[in-house]
């Protein structure tokens, strides 16, 4: 996992070139995986329809959702690490 991930806010406001340079496409895929795995596809559909309504959909602020996603990424990294032997 990349140590210096851009914030959700940086990704949201980046232009197309900057988004690509930030690695936004791969990062976006990890955000979608997180949202679907933890909260389900129905919540993702709500979010796609009303992207500014994070508080009502996920019952947390955008910042708290970002922290949850980062924790999810850390957990996934730990699960995918192979023990040396």
Foldseek 3Di string as FASTA:
>chain_A
DDPDQDFPVCCVPDDPVVCVVSVVVVVVVLLVVVCCVPPNPVLVVVCVVPVVPCCVSVVDDSVVSRVVSVVVVVVVVVVPDDDDD
